[in-house]
C-alpha atoms as a PDB file:
ATOM      1  CA  UNK A   1     203.151 230.089  22.821  1.00  0.00           C
ATOM      2  CA  UNK A   2     206.546 228.377  22.024  1.00  0.00           C
ATOM      3  CA  UNK A   3     206.448 224.800  20.865  1.00  0.00           C
ATOM      4  CA  UNK A   4     206.642 222.542  23.739  1.00  0.00           C
ATOM      5  CA  UNK A   5     209.459 219.487  23.388  1.00  0.00           C
ATOM      6  CA  UNK A   6     208.770 216.065  24.507  1.00  0.00           C
ATOM      7  CA  UNK A   7     210.865 212.829  25.049  1.00  0.00           C
ATOM      8  CA  UNK A   8     209.077 209.450  24.191  1.00  0.00           C
ATOM      9  CA  UNK A   9     211.125 206.632  25.467  1.00  0.00           C
ATOM     10  CA  UNK A  10     210.157 202.808  24.018  1.00  0.00           C
ATOM     11  CA  UNK A  11     209.011 204.793  20.942  1.00  0.00           C
ATOM     12  CA  UNK A  12     208.587 201.828  18.691  1.00  0.00           C
ATOM     13  CA  UNK A  13     206.358 199.567  20.876  1.00  0.00           C
ATOM     14  CA  UNK A  14     202.895 199.554  20.384  1.00  0.00           C
ATOM     15  CA  UNK A  15     201.887 202.086  22.991  1.00  0.00           C
ATOM     16  CA  UNK A  16     205.069 204.153  21.773  1.00  0.00           C
ATOM     17  CA  UNK A  17     203.980 204.242  17.812  1.00  0.00           C
ATOM     18  CA  UNK A  18     200.399 205.292  18.953  1.00  0.00           C
ATOM     19  CA  UNK A  19     201.479 207.656  21.276  1.00  0.00           C
ATOM     20  CA  UNK A  20     204.227 209.411  18.683  1.00  0.00           C
ATOM     21  CA  UNK A  21     201.335 209.761  16.555  1.00  0.00           C
ATOM     22  CA  UNK A  22     198.873 211.642  18.732  1.00  0.00           C
ATOM     23  CA  UNK A  23     201.627 213.759  20.025  1.00  0.00           C
ATOM     24  CA  UNK A  24     202.482 214.754  16.536  1.00  0.00           C
ATOM     25  CA  UNK A  25     198.787 215.658  15.431  1.00  0.00           C
ATOM     26  CA  UNK A  26     198.928 218.171  18.567  1.00  0.00           C
ATOM     27  CA  UNK A  27     201.836 219.811  17.455  1.00  0.00           C
ATOM     28  CA  UNK A  28     204.489 218.948  20.027  1.00  0.00           C
ATOM     29  CA  UNK A  29     208.462 218.477  18.986  1.00  0.00           C
ATOM     30  CA  UNK A  30     209.197 214.990  19.568  1.00  0.00           C
ATOM     31  CA  UNK A  31     212.479 213.532  20.434  1.00  0.00           C
ATOM     32  CA  UNK A  32     212.216 209.595  20.634  1.00  0.00           C
ATOM     33  CA  UNK A  33     214.423 206.734  21.692  1.00  0.00           C
ATOM     34  CA  UNK A  34     214.550 203.088  21.510  1.00  0.00           C
ATOM     35  CA  UNK A  35     216.995 199.964  21.176  1.00  0.00           C
ATOM     36  CA  UNK A  36     215.616 199.870  17.354  1.00  0.00           C
ATOM     37  CA  UNK A  37     215.202 202.476  14.628  1.00  0.00           C
ATOM     38  CA  UNK A  38     212.059 204.233  14.162  1.00  0.00           C
ATOM     39  CA  UNK A  39     209.242 202.407  12.167  1.00  0.00           C
ATOM     40  CA  UNK A  40     208.498 203.965   8.992  1.00  0.00           C
ATOM     41  CA  UNK A  41     204.830 204.745  10.105  1.00  0.00           C
ATOM     42  CA  UNK A  42     206.066 207.298  12.624  1.00  0.00           C
ATOM     43  CA  UNK A  43     209.423 208.217  11.454  1.00  0.00           C
ATOM     44  CA  UNK A  44     208.284 211.468  10.107  1.00  0.00           C
ATOM     45  CA  UNK A  45     206.683 212.394  13.508  1.00  0.00           C
ATOM     46  CA  UNK A  46     210.100 212.397  15.441  1.00  0.00           C
ATOM     47  CA  UNK A  47     212.340 215.571  15.423  1.00  0.00           C
ATOM     48  CA  UNK A  48     215.152 213.553  16.222  1.00  0.00           C
ATOM     49  CA  UNK A  49     215.553 209.544  17.419  1.00  0.00           C
ATOM     50  CA  UNK A  50     218.268 208.566  19.529  1.00  0.00           C
ATOM     51  CA  UNK A  51     219.052 204.559  18.920  1.00  0.00           C
ATOM     52  CA  UNK A  52     220.376 202.641  21.975  1.00  0.00           C
ATOM     53  CA  UNK A  53     220.123 201.415  25.235  1.00  0.00           C
ATOM     54  CA  UNK A  54     218.469 203.990  27.365  1.00  0.00           C
ATOM     55  CA  UNK A  55     220.116 203.418  30.742  1.00  0.00           C
ATOM     56  CA  UNK A  56     223.473 204.341  28.823  1.00  0.00           C
ATOM     57  CA  UNK A  57     222.055 206.966  27.020  1.00  0.00           C
ATOM     58  CA  UNK A  58     220.304 209.225  29.502  1.00  0.00           C
ATOM     59  CA  UNK A  59     223.082 211.340  30.278  1.00  0.00           C
ATOM     60  CA  UNK A  60     222.916 213.116  26.673  1.00  0.00           C
ATOM     61  CA  UNK A  61     219.463 214.069  27.308  1.00  0.00           C
ATOM     62  CA  UNK A  62     220.726 216.614  29.908  1.00  0.00           C
ATOM     63  CA  UNK A  63     221.368 219.073  26.816  1.00  0.00           C
ATOM     64  CA  UNK A  64     217.863 219.031  26.196  1.00  0.00           C
ATOM     65  CA  UNK A  65     214.961 221.075  27.548  1.00  0.00           C
ATOM     66  CA  UNK A  66     211.806 218.814  27.936  1.00  0.00           C
ATOM     67  CA  UNK A  67     208.446 220.058  28.702  1.00  0.00           C
ATOM     68  CA  UNK A  68     207.199 216.310  29.348  1.00  0.00           C
ATOM     69  CA  UNK A  69     208.938 213.001  29.327  1.00  0.00           C
ATOM     70  CA  UNK A  70     206.797 210.013  28.252  1.00  0.00           C
ATOM     71  CA  UNK A  71     208.910 206.958  29.480  1.00  0.00           C
ATOM     72  CA  UNK A  72     207.512 204.006  27.995  1.00  0.00           C
ATOM     73  CA  UNK A  73     210.533 201.802  27.548  1.00  0.00           C
ATOM     74  CA  UNK A  74     210.507 198.626  29.657  1.00  0.00           C
ATOM     75  CA  UNK A  75     210.858 194.775  29.826  1.00  0.00           C
ATOM     76  CA  UNK A  76     207.769 193.118  29.695  1.00  0.00           C
ATOM     77  CA  UNK A  77     206.305 190.603  32.016  1.00  0.00           C
ATOM     78  CA  UNK A  78     206.892 187.510  30.396  1.00  0.00           C
ATOM     79  CA  UNK A  79     210.410 188.330  29.207  1.00  0.00           C
ATOM     80  CA  UNK A  80     211.107 189.791  32.525  1.00  0.00           C
ATOM     81  CA  UNK A  81     210.474 186.659  34.113  1.00  0.00           C
ATOM     82  CA  UNK A  82     213.311 184.733  31.810  1.00  0.00           C
ATOM     83  CA  UNK A  83     215.839 187.572  32.581  1.00  0.00           C
ATOM     84  CA  UNK A  84     215.194 189.154  36.222  1.00  0.00           C
ATOM     85  CA  UNK A  85     218.150 191.040  36.699  1.00  0.00           C
ATOM     86  CA  UNK A  86     218.166 192.564  32.787  1.00  0.00           C
ATOM     87  CA  UNK A  87     214.505 193.557  33.516  1.00  0.00           C
ATOM     88  CA  UNK A  88     215.519 195.264  36.903  1.00  0.00           C
ATOM     89  CA  UNK A  89     218.269 197.253  35.080  1.00  0.00           C
ATOM     90  CA  UNK A  90     215.785 198.348  32.347  1.00  0.00           C
ATOM     91  CA  UNK A  91     212.673 198.920  34.482  1.00  0.00           C
ATOM     92  CA  UNK A  92     213.897 200.359  37.475  1.00  0.00           C
ATOM     93  CA  UNK A  93     217.273 201.872  36.585  1.00  0.00           C
ATOM     94  CA  UNK A  94     216.191 203.627  33.553  1.00  0.00           C
ATOM     95  CA  UNK A  95     213.044 205.184  35.382  1.00  0.00           C
ATOM     96  CA  UNK A  96     215.098 206.346  38.112  1.00  0.00           C
ATOM     97  CA  UNK A  97     217.947 207.952  35.536  1.00  0.00           C
ATOM     98  CA  UNK A  98     214.990 209.703  34.009  1.00  0.00           C
ATOM     99  CA  UNK A  99     213.452 210.811  37.292  1.00  0.00           C
ATOM    100  CA  UNK A 100     216.725 212.169  38.422  1.00  0.00           C
ATOM    101  CA  UNK A 101     216.862 214.032  34.977  1.00  0.00           C
ATOM    102  CA  UNK A 102     213.376 215.654  35.389  1.00  0.00           C
ATOM    103  CA  UNK A 103     213.855 216.487  38.854  1.00  0.00           C
ATOM    104  CA  UNK A 104     217.230 218.317  37.622  1.00  0.00           C
ATOM    105  CA  UNK A 105     215.688 220.341  34.911  1.00  0.00           C
ATOM    106  CA  UNK A 106     212.643 220.845  37.045  1.00  0.00           C
ATOM    107  CA  UNK A 107     214.642 222.562  39.608  1.00  0.00           C
ATOM    108  CA  UNK A 108     217.138 224.482  36.951  1.00  0.00           C
ATOM    109  CA  UNK A 109     214.181 225.905  35.044  1.00  0.00           C
ATOM    110  CA  UNK A 110     212.002 226.659  37.700  1.00  0.00           C
ATOM    111  CA  UNK A 111     209.064 224.819  36.549  1.00  0.00           C
ATOM    112  CA  UNK A 112     207.903 221.120  36.737  1.00  0.00           C
ATOM    113  CA  UNK A 113     209.090 218.819  33.763  1.00  0.00           C
ATOM    114  CA  UNK A 114     206.160 216.243  33.598  1.00  0.00           C
ATOM    115  CA  UNK A 115     206.789 212.891  33.714  1.00  0.00           C
ATOM    116  CA  UNK A 116     203.981 210.056  32.579  1.00  0.00           C
ATOM    117  CA  UNK A 117     204.745 206.599  33.346  1.00  0.00           C
ATOM    118  CA  UNK A 118     202.348 203.881  32.302  1.00  0.00           C
ATOM    119  CA  UNK A 119     202.097 201.177  34.944  1.00  0.00           C
ATOM    120  CA  UNK A 120     200.212 197.990  34.742  1.00  0.00           C
ATOM    121  CA  UNK A 121     197.677 195.958  36.528  1.00  0.00           C
ATOM    122  CA  UNK A 122     200.929 193.567  37.207  1.00  0.00           C
ATOM    123  CA  UNK A 123     201.625 195.635  40.341  1.00  0.00           C
ATOM    124  CA  UNK A 124     198.685 193.704  42.026  1.00  0.00           C
ATOM    125  CA  UNK A 125     198.573 190.336  43.077  1.00  0.00           C
ATOM    126  CA  UNK A 126     196.561 187.729  44.951  1.00  0.00           C
ATOM    127  CA  UNK A 127     197.148 185.179  47.178  1.00  0.00           C
ATOM    128  CA  UNK A 128     194.519 182.739  45.442  1.00  0.00           C
ATOM    129  CA  UNK A 129     191.973 182.587  43.040  1.00  0.00           C
ATOM    130  CA  UNK A 130     189.172 182.604  45.730  1.00  0.00           C
ATOM    131  CA  UNK A 131     190.640 185.927  46.937  1.00  0.00           C
ATOM    132  CA  UNK A 132     191.009 187.119  43.421  1.00  0.00           C
ATOM    133  CA  UNK A 133     187.215 186.830  42.870  1.00  0.00           C
ATOM    134  CA  UNK A 134     186.133 187.917  45.958  1.00  0.00           C
ATOM    135  CA  UNK A 135     187.971 191.063  45.606  1.00  0.00           C
ATOM    136  CA  UNK A 136     185.744 192.484  42.863  1.00  0.00           C
ATOM    137  CA  UNK A 137     186.888 196.164  41.476  1.00  0.00           C
ATOM    138  CA  UNK A 138     190.014 196.720  42.864  1.00  0.00           C
ATOM    139  CA  UNK A 139     191.156 200.043  44.201  1.00  0.00           C
ATOM    140  CA  UNK A 140     195.041 201.398  43.672  1.00  0.00           C
ATOM    141  CA  UNK A 141     196.285 200.968  46.940  1.00  0.00           C
ATOM    142  CA  UNK A 142     194.657 197.175  47.470  1.00  0.00           C
ATOM    143  CA  UNK A 143     196.356 194.120  46.913  1.00  0.00           C
ATOM    144  CA  UNK A 144     199.657 195.770  46.013  1.00  0.00           C
ATOM    145  CA  UNK A 145     201.626 192.588  46.065  1.00  0.00           C
ATOM    146  CA  UNK A 146     202.985 191.493  42.694  1.00  0.00           C
ATOM    147  CA  UNK A 147     204.058 188.341  41.802  1.00  0.00           C
ATOM    148  CA  UNK A 148     206.407 189.005  38.667  1.00  0.00           C
ATOM    149  CA  UNK A 149     209.509 190.796  38.414  1.00  0.00           C
ATOM    150  CA  UNK A 150     207.558 192.896  36.182  1.00  0.00           C
ATOM    151  CA  UNK A 151     205.068 193.913  38.771  1.00  0.00           C
ATOM    152  CA  UNK A 152     207.680 194.504  41.402  1.00  0.00           C
ATOM    153  CA  UNK A 153     209.275 197.158  38.918  1.00  0.00           C
ATOM    154  CA  UNK A 154     206.418 198.617  38.264  1.00  0.00           C
ATOM    155  CA  UNK A 155     205.207 199.464  41.620  1.00  0.00           C
ATOM    156  CA  UNK A 156     208.691 200.468  42.917  1.00  0.00           C
ATOM    157  CA  UNK A 157     208.923 202.705  39.941  1.00  0.00           C
ATOM    158  CA  UNK A 158     205.669 203.967  41.240  1.00  0.00           C
ATOM    159  CA  UNK A 159     206.871 204.849  44.320  1.00  0.00           C
ATOM    160  CA  UNK A 160     210.075 206.178  43.157  1.00  0.00           C
ATOM    161  CA  UNK A 161     207.825 208.749  41.148  1.00  0.00           C
ATOM    162  CA  UNK A 162     206.415 210.033  44.229  1.00  0.00           C
ATOM    163  CA  UNK A 163     209.201 210.183  45.727  1.00  0.00           C
ATOM    164  CA  UNK A 164     211.029 212.200  43.096  1.00  0.00           C
ATOM    165  CA  UNK A 165     208.044 214.498  42.730  1.00  0.00           C
ATOM    166  CA  UNK A 166     207.385 215.363  46.584  1.00  0.00           C
ATOM    167  CA  UNK A 167     210.005 214.095  48.675  1.00  0.00           C
ATOM    168  CA  UNK A 168     213.286 214.568  46.939  1.00  0.00           C
ATOM    169  CA  UNK A 169     215.940 215.954  49.418  1.00  0.00           C
ATOM    170  CA  UNK A 170     213.030 216.044  51.686  1.00  0.00           C
ATOM    171  CA  UNK A 171     212.603 219.528  50.059  1.00  0.00           C
ATOM    172  CA  UNK A 172     208.732 219.449  51.311  1.00  0.00           C
ATOM    173  CA  UNK A 173     210.402 220.841  54.551  1.00  0.00           C
ATOM    174  CA  UNK A 174     211.786 223.827  53.036  1.00  0.00           C
ATOM    175  CA  UNK A 175     209.441 227.006  53.222  1.00  0.00           C
ATOM    176  CA  UNK A 176     210.537 227.775  49.783  1.00  0.00           C
ATOM    177  CA  UNK A 177     211.020 224.578  48.010  1.00  0.00           C
ATOM    178  CA  UNK A 178     212.554 224.310  44.713  1.00  0.00           C
ATOM    179  CA  UNK A 179     210.197 223.161  41.966  1.00  0.00           C
ATOM    180  CA  UNK A 180     210.194 219.457  41.617  1.00  0.00           C
ATOM    181  CA  UNK A 181     209.047 216.987  38.682  1.00  0.00           C
ATOM    182  CA  UNK A 182     205.630 216.168  38.229  1.00  0.00           C
ATOM    183  CA  UNK A 183     204.982 212.617  38.216  1.00  0.00           C
ATOM    184  CA  UNK A 184     201.583 211.105  37.051  1.00  0.00           C
ATOM    185  CA  UNK A 185     201.151 207.502  36.206  1.00  0.00           C
ATOM    186  CA  UNK A 186     198.521 205.203  34.755  1.00  0.00           C
ATOM    187  CA  UNK A 187     197.747 201.592  35.646  1.00  0.00           C
ATOM    188  CA  UNK A 188     196.741 199.924  32.293  1.00  0.00           C
ATOM    189  CA  UNK A 189     194.856 196.865  31.801  1.00  0.00           C
ATOM    190  CA  UNK A 190     195.766 194.755  29.103  1.00  0.00           C
ATOM    191  CA  UNK A 191     195.891 196.851  25.935  1.00  0.00           C
ATOM    192  CA  UNK A 192     195.199 195.867  22.443  1.00  0.00           C
ATOM    193  CA  UNK A 193     196.175 197.732  19.429  1.00  0.00           C
ATOM    194  CA  UNK A 194     194.285 197.105  15.925  1.00  0.00           C
ATOM    195  CA  UNK A 195     197.365 198.138  13.808  1.00  0.00           C
ATOM    196  CA  UNK A 196     200.335 196.540  15.505  1.00  0.00           C
ATOM    197  CA  UNK A 197     200.940 192.492  15.770  1.00  0.00           C
ATOM    198  CA  UNK A 198     201.062 191.006  19.503  1.00  0.00           C
ATOM    199  CA  UNK A 199     204.521 191.151  20.865  1.00  0.00           C
ATOM    200  CA  UNK A 200     204.149 187.938  23.170  1.00  0.00           C
ATOM    201  CA  UNK A 201     202.839 189.953  26.244  1.00  0.00           C
ATOM    202  CA  UNK A 202     201.293 187.881  29.061  1.00  0.00           C
ATOM    203  CA  UNK A 203     197.775 189.637  28.041  1.00  0.00           C
ATOM    204  CA  UNK A 204     198.163 189.006  24.423  1.00  0.00           C
ATOM    205  CA  UNK A 205     196.132 185.819  24.130  1.00  0.00           C
ATOM    206  CA  UNK A 206     193.090 187.605  22.816  1.00  0.00           C
ATOM    207  CA  UNK A 207     194.746 189.349  19.915  1.00  0.00           C
ATOM    208  CA  UNK A 208     196.453 186.360  19.168  1.00  0.00           C
ATOM    209  CA  UNK A 209     193.549 184.119  19.099  1.00  0.00           C
ATOM    210  CA  UNK A 210     191.598 186.660  16.688  1.00  0.00           C
ATOM    211  CA  UNK A 211     194.824 187.336  14.441  1.00  0.00           C
ATOM    212  CA  UNK A 212     195.117 183.411  13.909  1.00  0.00           C
ATOM    213  CA  UNK A 213     191.256 182.970  13.363  1.00  0.00           C
ATOM    214  CA  UNK A 214     191.486 185.572  10.587  1.00  0.00           C
ATOM    215  CA  UNK A 215     194.407 184.058   8.977  1.00  0.00           C
ATOM    216  CA  UNK A 216     192.643 180.565   9.275  1.00  0.00           C
ATOM    217  CA  UNK A 217     195.357 179.164  11.675  1.00  0.00           C
ATOM    218  CA  UNK A 218     194.783 177.336  14.688  1.00  0.00           C
ATOM    219  CA  UNK A 219     195.500 178.761  18.149  1.00  0.00           C
ATOM    220  CA  UNK A 220     196.168 176.914  21.696  1.00  0.00           C
ATOM    221  CA  UNK A 221     195.517 179.592  24.057  1.00  0.00           C
ATOM    222  CA  UNK A 222     197.847 179.469  27.166  1.00  0.00           C
ATOM    223  CA  UNK A 223     195.393 180.559  29.946  1.00  0.00           C
ATOM    224  CA  UNK A 224     192.148 178.883  30.653  1.00  0.00           C
ATOM    225  CA  UNK A 225     188.916 179.654  29.215  1.00  0.00           C
ATOM    226  CA  UNK A 226     187.446 181.136  32.498  1.00  0.00           C
ATOM    227  CA  UNK A 227     190.245 183.335  32.819  1.00  0.00           C
ATOM    228  CA  UNK A 228     189.239 187.203  33.005  1.00  0.00           C
ATOM    229  CA  UNK A 229     191.032 190.454  33.204  1.00  0.00           C
ATOM    230  CA  UNK A 230     190.512 193.897  31.794  1.00  0.00           C
ATOM    231  CA  UNK A 231     191.202 195.166  28.408  1.00  0.00           C
ATOM    232  CA  UNK A 232     191.338 198.534  26.516  1.00  0.00           C
ATOM    233  CA  UNK A 233     191.562 199.707  23.318  1.00  0.00           C
ATOM    234  CA  UNK A 234     194.851 201.483  22.399  1.00  0.00           C
ATOM    235  CA  UNK A 235     193.106 204.456  21.258  1.00  0.00           C
ATOM    236  CA  UNK A 236     191.801 204.880  24.866  1.00  0.00           C
ATOM    237  CA  UNK A 237     194.883 204.484  26.257  1.00  0.00           C
ATOM    238  CA  UNK A 238     196.439 207.077  24.454  1.00  0.00           C
ATOM    239  CA  UNK A 239     193.200 209.370  25.070  1.00  0.00           C
ATOM    240  CA  UNK A 240     194.230 208.559  28.794  1.00  0.00           C
ATOM    241  CA  UNK A 241     197.931 209.463  28.597  1.00  0.00           C
ATOM    242  CA  UNK A 242     196.961 213.052  26.914  1.00  0.00           C
ATOM    243  CA  UNK A 243     194.028 213.822  29.319  1.00  0.00           C
ATOM    244  CA  UNK A 244     196.304 212.954  32.175  1.00  0.00           C
ATOM    245  CA  UNK A 245     199.445 215.064  30.889  1.00  0.00           C
ATOM    246  CA  UNK A 246     196.976 217.818  30.458  1.00  0.00           C
ATOM    247  CA  UNK A 247     195.099 217.767  33.781  1.00  0.00           C
ATOM    248  CA  UNK A 248     195.453 220.562  36.036  1.00  0.00           C
ATOM    249  CA  UNK A 249     197.877 219.576  38.954  1.00  0.00           C
ATOM    250  CA  UNK A 250     195.879 220.866  41.694  1.00  0.00           C
ATOM    251  CA  UNK A 251     192.914 218.663  40.427  1.00  0.00           C
ATOM    252  CA  UNK A 252     194.826 215.305  41.161  1.00  0.00           C
ATOM    253  CA  UNK A 253     194.449 213.733  44.237  1.00  0.00           C
ATOM    254  CA  UNK A 254     196.853 211.006  43.598  1.00  0.00           C
ATOM    255  CA  UNK A 255     199.894 210.219  41.643  1.00  0.00           C
ATOM    256  CA  UNK A 256     198.741 206.702  40.304  1.00  0.00           C
ATOM    257  CA  UNK A 257     195.573 206.130  38.447  1.00  0.00           C
ATOM    258  CA  UNK A 258     193.750 203.119  37.500  1.00  0.00           C
ATOM    259  CA  UNK A 259     191.596 203.343  34.323  1.00  0.00           C
ATOM    260  CA  UNK A 260     189.668 200.505  32.606  1.00  0.00           C
ATOM    261  CA  UNK A 261     187.304 200.366  29.795  1.00  0.00           C
ATOM    262  CA  UNK A 262     185.607 196.438  29.554  1.00  0.00           C
ATOM    263  CA  UNK A 263     186.611 192.901  31.112  1.00  0.00           C
ATOM    264  CA  UNK A 264     186.096 189.452  29.585  1.00  0.00           C
ATOM    265  CA  UNK A 265     187.173 185.942  29.826  1.00  0.00           C
ATOM    266  CA  UNK A 266     189.200 183.930  27.504  1.00  0.00           C
ATOM    267  CA  UNK A 267     186.214 181.762  26.498  1.00  0.00           C
ATOM    268  CA  UNK A 268     184.401 185.435  25.262  1.00  0.00           C
ATOM    269  CA  UNK A 269     187.281 185.990  23.259  1.00  0.00           C
ATOM    270  CA  UNK A 270     186.913 182.573  21.497  1.00  0.00           C
ATOM    271  CA  UNK A 271     183.201 183.475  21.071  1.00  0.00           C
ATOM    272  CA  UNK A 272     184.198 186.428  19.579  1.00  0.00           C
ATOM    273  CA  UNK A 273     186.593 184.991  17.140  1.00  0.00           C
ATOM    274  CA  UNK A 274     184.047 181.826  16.236  1.00  0.00           C
ATOM    275  CA  UNK A 275     181.465 184.545  15.514  1.00  0.00           C
ATOM    276  CA  UNK A 276     183.848 186.535  13.359  1.00  0.00           C
ATOM    277  CA  UNK A 277     185.435 183.878  11.627  1.00  0.00           C
ATOM    278  CA  UNK A 278     183.235 180.495  11.880  1.00  0.00           C
ATOM    279  CA  UNK A 279     186.014 178.364  10.774  1.00  0.00           C
ATOM    280  CA  UNK A 280     188.261 179.619  13.500  1.00  0.00           C
ATOM    281  CA  UNK A 281     190.216 176.504  15.469  1.00  0.00           C
ATOM    282  CA  UNK A 282     190.770 177.640  18.979  1.00  0.00           C
ATOM    283  CA  UNK A 283     191.559 175.118  22.107  1.00  0.00           C
ATOM    284  CA  UNK A 284     192.970 175.813  25.591  1.00  0.00           C
ATOM    285  CA  UNK A 285     196.174 174.684  26.638  1.00  0.00           C
ATOM    286  CA  UNK A 286     197.166 176.328  29.997  1.00  0.00           C
ATOM    287  CA  UNK A 287     200.655 177.131  30.584  1.00  0.00           C
ATOM    288  CA  UNK A 288     201.504 177.039  34.259  1.00  0.00           C
ATOM    289  CA  UNK A 289     204.136 180.101  34.433  1.00  0.00           C
ATOM    290  CA  UNK A 290     201.757 182.239  32.325  1.00  0.00           C
ATOM    291  CA  UNK A 291     198.584 181.043  33.682  1.00  0.00           C
ATOM    292  CA  UNK A 292     199.923 181.752  37.470  1.00  0.00           C
ATOM    293  CA  UNK A 293     200.988 185.553  36.159  1.00  0.00           C
ATOM    294  CA  UNK A 294     197.293 186.180  34.670  1.00  0.00           C
ATOM    295  CA  UNK A 295     195.718 184.614  37.977  1.00  0.00           C
ATOM    296  CA  UNK A 296     197.620 187.053  40.136  1.00  0.00           C
ATOM    297  CA  UNK A 297     195.882 190.068  38.037  1.00  0.00           C
ATOM    298  CA  UNK A 298     192.599 191.563  38.967  1.00  0.00           C
ATOM    299  CA  UNK A 299     189.438 190.450  37.102  1.00  0.00           C
ATOM    300  CA  UNK A 300     188.205 193.767  37.205  1.00  0.00           C
ATOM    301  CA  UNK A 301     189.677 197.321  38.344  1.00  0.00           C
ATOM    302  CA  UNK A 302     188.024 200.600  40.079  1.00  0.00           C
ATOM    303  CA  UNK A 303     188.940 203.704  38.094  1.00  0.00           C
ATOM    304  CA  UNK A 304     186.601 206.034  39.828  1.00  0.00           C
ATOM    305  CA  UNK A 305     189.617 208.263  40.873  1.00  0.00           C
ATOM    306  CA  UNK A 306     190.585 208.998  37.241  1.00  0.00           C
ATOM    307  CA  UNK A 307     186.777 209.667  36.246  1.00  0.00           C
ATOM    308  CA  UNK A 308     186.624 212.177  39.544  1.00  0.00           C
ATOM    309  CA  UNK A 309     189.871 214.147  39.089  1.00  0.00           C
ATOM    310  CA  UNK A 310     190.434 214.149  35.292  1.00  0.00           C
ATOM    311  CA  UNK A 311     187.373 213.303  33.427  1.00  0.00           C
ATOM    312  CA  UNK A 312     188.408 209.640  32.567  1.00  0.00           C
ATOM    313  CA  UNK A 313     185.768 207.825  30.273  1.00  0.00           C
ATOM    314  CA  UNK A 314     186.563 205.260  27.697  1.00  0.00           C
ATOM    315  CA  UNK A 315     185.202 205.498  24.087  1.00  0.00           C
ATOM    316  CA  UNK A 316     185.372 202.095  23.436  1.00  0.00           C
ATOM    317  CA  UNK A 317     183.314 199.309  25.375  1.00  0.00           C
ATOM    318  CA  UNK A 318     183.327 195.681  24.417  1.00  0.00           C
ATOM    319  CA  UNK A 319     181.211 195.875  21.467  1.00  0.00           C
ATOM    320  CA  UNK A 320     182.480 198.948  20.094  1.00  0.00           C
ATOM    321  CA  UNK A 321     186.041 197.508  20.546  1.00  0.00           C
ATOM    322  CA  UNK A 322     185.541 194.803  18.410  1.00  0.00           C
ATOM    323  CA  UNK A 323     182.944 195.718  15.919  1.00  0.00           C
ATOM    324  CA  UNK A 324     184.369 199.258  15.037  1.00  0.00           C
ATOM    325  CA  UNK A 325     187.980 199.261  15.939  1.00  0.00           C
ATOM    326  CA  UNK A 326     189.783 195.596  16.018  1.00  0.00           C
ATOM    327  CA  UNK A 327     187.747 193.207  13.660  1.00  0.00           C
ATOM    328  CA  UNK A 328     187.602 195.827  10.680  1.00  0.00           C
ATOM    329  CA  UNK A 329     191.449 196.501  10.833  1.00  0.00           C
ATOM    330  CA  UNK A 330     192.514 192.704  11.253  1.00  0.00           C
ATOM    331  CA  UNK A 331     190.036 192.015   8.148  1.00  0.00           C
ATOM    332  CA  UNK A 332     192.075 194.623   6.250  1.00  0.00           C
ATOM    333  CA  UNK A 333     195.065 193.066   7.315  1.00  0.00           C
ATOM    334  CA  UNK A 334     194.490 189.662   6.210  1.00  0.00           C
ATOM    335  CA  UNK A 335     191.783 190.553   3.288  1.00  0.00           C
ATOM    336  CA  UNK A 336     189.442 188.486   4.955  1.00  0.00           C
ATOM    337  CA  UNK A 337     185.775 189.142   3.952  1.00  0.00           C
ATOM    338  CA  UNK A 338     183.061 190.325   6.255  1.00  0.00           C
END
């Protein structure tokens, strides 16, 4: 069997770096692209790196024959609220350009290019905290009223993926339709990597708190102590991407899937920080804009469809995440004794 070629956009990000390493271990030929040069940790995994603005680089990828496109490049939630037009250009235009590429290549070669798109719990939105707390575990098609530009972009791109994979050119009406791209999306909770530094994302208050505690630095958390959302260890995020890409198309009942691992409050993050680093100085100083964003996201999400359709199950629950994955690595990073 010939070696499969994949494209990873946003390869320098937290998910990108971990995914490139995972794909390399599975023997893929990897082409990467990002605004930045590849970090040394993954430079050897990429057969070719294209540096620059993705929106203006997509045309050159028509010369490649990709089996899978992993589209990770994005302007994230906090930054997108400050530069909304730029976020729309990056998040929506970049995605549409790549979907057009995937649809074109699928038709030309007579078999579908798989397109993996990481979405987010930012695609949800609640009218009030009371509504959020009453909602319980939220399914994929509920409360799709995002409050942020990032969430709007993600939700719209999910719909674009559905369109290009099923309805582009109304090909589903043709008795012998050309092959279309195979779009698959995961709505991630807050993701936490033990090997890269938090990048200022809206869900980064948890890992930021523990990084500060490990260094003996005070931390003022930008959300309330009772703020609760779902989180996931980065290895589980990569596991889910690879599992969904490998899943047989006929087993998939939808194009967008929730996945979940564990849910906890900012106060519970603080308790973990104090237990691991007894001298930790963690206070709460909620910032209205960022607090409002997190308040619009679910406290818990229902991932029954992913578990049923492609066997999703996380490896890391809350205790294993802290005790076996995250805390050992940040102790090593800052040379903090156990």
